């Protein structure tokens, strides 16, 4: 047996010992796990399940507001009807198209739909503002020479931006509700 043959088992044992020490500190979790740390706080078995149907969102003034409001209501209340709300999300949304590419004839061919949203999370029992945040979403879309197709592309971009914005707003709202001890 040569000296290099004796070193290999020692190196393997040393690597295994180091791995045994370091791996328990690893914070990786199963992708589709269902333990308490991976469940959404608003899910049926989540920490904030008691708030389902208790989070109101201010009335919408425009169609853009309404699209975001509907998506956020669905996310926060999991489809439950809002009754006797404990919290209110005072939502403000704006959206606009920005042209990116213009053909030689001055026709817009590529655009971005930018949507900005801000909110105040208010505890209704005492009127205290718990959290205030702002988020934005940008969705690219193409225009064509066909009027209907261009309008449909704009509406689809607005819907996609609204869903994205609602998802981005949901995260800080849930965190604020958890911090408020709900």
Protein backbone atom coordinates (compact mmCIF):
# COMPACT_ATOMS: atom_id res chain seq x y z
CA UNK A 1 0.00 0.00 0.00
CA UNK A 2 1.49 3.31 -1.03
CA UNK A 3 1.33 6.48 1.03
CA UNK A 4 -1.16 8.09 -1.37
CA UNK A 5 -3.61 5.22 -0.77
CA UNK A 6 -3.53 5.94 2.98
CA UNK A 7 -4.15 9.68 2.45
CA UNK A 8 -7.32 9.22 0.38
CA UNK A 9 -9.47 7.61 3.10
CA UNK A 10 -8.30 10.29 5.56
CA UNK A 11 -9.25 13.07 3.13
CA UNK A 12 -12.65 11.50 2.53
CA UNK A 13 -13.24 11.16 6.28
CA UNK A 14 -12.16 14.77 6.84
CA UNK A 15 -14.57 15.99 4.13
CA UNK A 16 -17.42 13.96 5.61
CA UNK A 17 -16.70 15.37 9.08
CA UNK A 18 -16.73 18.95 7.78
CA UNK A 19 -19.97 18.30 5.86
CA UNK A 20 -21.58 16.79 8.98
CA UNK A 21 -20.71 19.94 10.92
CA UNK A 22 -21.77 22.48 8.26
CA UNK A 23 -24.93 20.91 6.75
CA UNK A 24 -27.17 21.18 9.83
CA UNK A 25 -26.78 24.97 9.56
CA UNK A 26 -28.10 24.94 6.00
CA UNK A 27 -31.38 26.85 5.63
CA UNK A 28 -32.57 25.11 2.48
CA UNK A 29 -36.13 23.82 2.64
CA UNK A 30 -38.19 21.62 0.34
CA UNK A 31 -39.62 23.59 -2.58
CA UNK A 32 -43.13 22.23 -2.07
CA UNK A 33 -42.94 21.78 1.69
CA UNK A 34 -45.89 22.41 3.97
CA UNK A 35 -44.23 23.24 7.25
CA UNK A 36 -45.18 26.48 9.06
CA UNK A 37 -42.35 28.47 7.50
CA UNK A 38 -43.41 27.72 3.91
CA UNK A 39 -47.18 28.23 4.22
CA UNK A 40 -48.55 31.61 3.13
CA UNK A 41 -49.61 33.65 6.15
CA UNK A 42 -53.10 34.11 4.64
CA UNK A 43 -53.53 30.48 3.51
CA UNK A 44 -56.22 28.37 5.27
CA UNK A 45 -53.64 26.98 7.70
CA UNK A 46 -51.54 30.19 7.78
CA UNK A 47 -50.85 32.46 10.75
CA UNK A 48 -53.25 35.18 9.54
CA UNK A 49 -56.12 32.92 8.45
CA UNK A 50 -58.40 34.63 11.00
CA UNK A 51 -58.13 37.85 8.96
CA UNK A 52 -59.61 36.29 5.83
CA UNK A 53 -62.61 38.45 4.94
CA UNK A 54 -61.61 41.13 7.47
CA UNK A 55 -59.36 43.31 5.26
CA UNK A 56 -61.23 46.01 3.31
CA UNK A 57 -59.79 47.95 0.38
CA UNK A 58 -60.87 51.50 -0.43
CA UNK A 59 -63.31 52.00 -3.30
CA UNK A 60 -61.87 52.43 -6.78
CA UNK A 61 -62.25 55.66 -8.76
CA UNK A 62 -60.92 54.46 -12.12
CA UNK A 63 -60.81 51.21 -14.07
CA UNK A 64 -57.08 50.93 -13.34
CA UNK A 65 -57.79 51.24 -9.60
CA UNK A 66 -60.54 48.63 -9.90
CA UNK A 67 -58.35 46.04 -11.62
CA UNK A 68 -55.66 46.28 -8.91
CA UNK A 69 -58.28 46.42 -6.14
CA UNK A 70 -59.94 43.20 -7.37
CA UNK A 71 -56.63 41.35 -7.59
CA UNK A 72 -55.56 42.53 -4.14
CA UNK A 73 -58.94 41.66 -2.57
CA UNK A 74 -58.64 38.17 -3.99
CA UNK A 75 -55.10 37.76 -2.66
CA UNK A 76 -55.70 39.18 0.83
CA UNK A 77 -59.11 37.67 1.54
CA UNK A 78 -58.74 34.40 -0.39
CA UNK A 79 -62.15 34.93 -2.03
CA UNK A 80 -64.01 35.54 1.24
CA UNK A 81 -66.60 38.33 1.32
CA UNK A 82 -65.41 41.31 3.41
CA UNK A 83 -67.55 41.57 6.54
CA UNK A 84 -66.80 43.56 9.69
CA UNK A 85 -63.34 44.64 8.53
CA UNK A 86 -60.56 45.08 11.05
CA UNK A 87 -58.16 46.74 8.61
CA UNK A 88 -58.49 48.93 5.54
CA UNK A 89 -56.01 49.26 2.71
CA UNK A 90 -56.29 52.79 1.28
CA UNK A 91 -55.07 52.21 -2.24
CA UNK A 92 -53.95 54.74 -4.86
CA UNK A 93 -53.06 53.50 -8.34
CA UNK A 94 -51.98 55.20 -11.55
CA UNK A 95 -51.04 53.71 -14.88
CA UNK A 96 -49.88 55.01 -18.23
CA UNK A 97 -48.44 53.86 -21.53
CA UNK A 98 -44.99 54.94 -22.62
CA UNK A 99 -43.94 54.52 -26.26
CA UNK A 100 -40.56 52.92 -26.94
CA UNK A 101 -40.26 52.34 -30.66
CA UNK A 102 -41.74 54.46 -33.44
CA UNK A 103 -41.82 53.48 -37.10
CA UNK A 104 -40.75 55.88 -39.84
CA UNK A 105 -44.38 57.00 -40.35
CA UNK A 106 -44.69 57.99 -36.70
CA UNK A 107 -46.66 54.88 -35.70
CA UNK A 108 -45.97 53.44 -32.25
CA UNK A 109 -44.83 49.79 -32.43
CA UNK A 110 -43.54 48.94 -28.97
CA UNK A 111 -44.69 50.29 -25.61
CA UNK A 112 -44.47 49.86 -21.87
CA UNK A 113 -47.41 50.01 -19.52
CA UNK A 114 -46.21 51.40 -16.19
CA UNK A 115 -48.38 51.11 -13.12
CA UNK A 116 -47.61 52.71 -9.75
CA UNK A 117 -49.42 51.88 -6.55
CA UNK A 118 -49.23 53.09 -2.99
CA UNK A 119 -51.24 52.22 0.07
CA UNK A 120 -51.84 53.01 3.70
CA UNK A 121 -52.77 50.10 5.95
CA UNK A 122 -55.11 51.42 8.64
CA UNK A 123 -56.33 49.62 11.77
CA UNK A 124 -60.00 50.58 11.89
CA UNK A 125 -60.42 50.17 15.67
CA UNK A 126 -58.27 53.22 16.42
CA UNK A 127 -57.60 54.73 12.97
CA UNK A 128 -53.84 54.19 13.30
CA UNK A 129 -51.81 53.92 10.10
CA UNK A 130 -49.79 50.73 10.49
CA UNK A 131 -47.86 50.80 7.25
CA UNK A 132 -47.35 52.87 4.11
CA UNK A 133 -45.60 51.53 1.03
CA UNK A 134 -45.32 52.11 -2.71
CA UNK A 135 -44.57 49.65 -5.49
CA UNK A 136 -44.57 49.68 -9.30
CA UNK A 137 -44.89 47.30 -12.21
CA UNK A 138 -43.87 47.59 -15.85
CA UNK A 139 -45.18 45.40 -18.67
CA UNK A 140 -43.95 45.59 -22.28
CA UNK A 141 -46.35 45.11 -25.19
CA UNK A 142 -46.44 45.58 -28.96
CA UNK A 143 -48.80 47.65 -31.05
CA UNK A 144 -49.82 46.81 -34.60
CA UNK A 145 -51.55 48.72 -37.38
CA UNK A 146 -54.84 47.04 -36.40
CA UNK A 147 -56.77 49.26 -33.99
CA UNK A 148 -58.59 46.46 -32.13
CA UNK A 149 -55.44 44.40 -31.66
CA UNK A 150 -53.54 47.41 -30.32
CA UNK A 151 -56.33 48.23 -27.85
CA UNK A 152 -56.50 44.59 -26.74
CA UNK A 153 -52.71 44.55 -26.21
CA UNK A 154 -52.99 47.67 -24.04
CA UNK A 155 -55.81 46.15 -21.95
CA UNK A 156 -53.91 42.89 -21.54
CA UNK A 157 -50.80 44.79 -20.45
CA UNK A 158 -52.87 46.71 -17.89
CA UNK A 159 -54.34 43.47 -16.51
CA UNK A 160 -50.89 41.88 -16.29
CA UNK A 161 -49.43 44.96 -14.60
CA UNK A 162 -52.34 44.99 -12.12
CA UNK A 163 -51.80 41.34 -11.17
CA UNK A 164 -48.08 41.95 -10.76
CA UNK A 165 -48.64 45.10 -8.70
CA UNK A 166 -51.17 43.33 -6.46
CA UNK A 167 -48.63 40.56 -5.81
CA UNK A 168 -45.96 43.14 -4.99
CA UNK A 169 -48.31 44.99 -2.63
CA UNK A 170 -49.50 41.84 -0.89
CA UNK A 171 -46.08 41.01 0.53
CA UNK A 172 -45.52 44.21 2.57
CA UNK A 173 -49.18 44.24 3.68
CA UNK A 174 -48.90 40.71 5.07
CA UNK A 175 -45.61 41.56 6.77
CA UNK A 176 -47.18 44.66 8.36
CA UNK A 177 -50.16 42.61 9.57
CA UNK A 178 -47.81 40.04 11.10
CA UNK A 179 -45.78 42.79 12.79
CA UNK A 180 -49.00 44.36 14.13
CA UNK A 181 -49.66 41.07 15.91
CA UNK A 182 -52.83 40.12 14.09
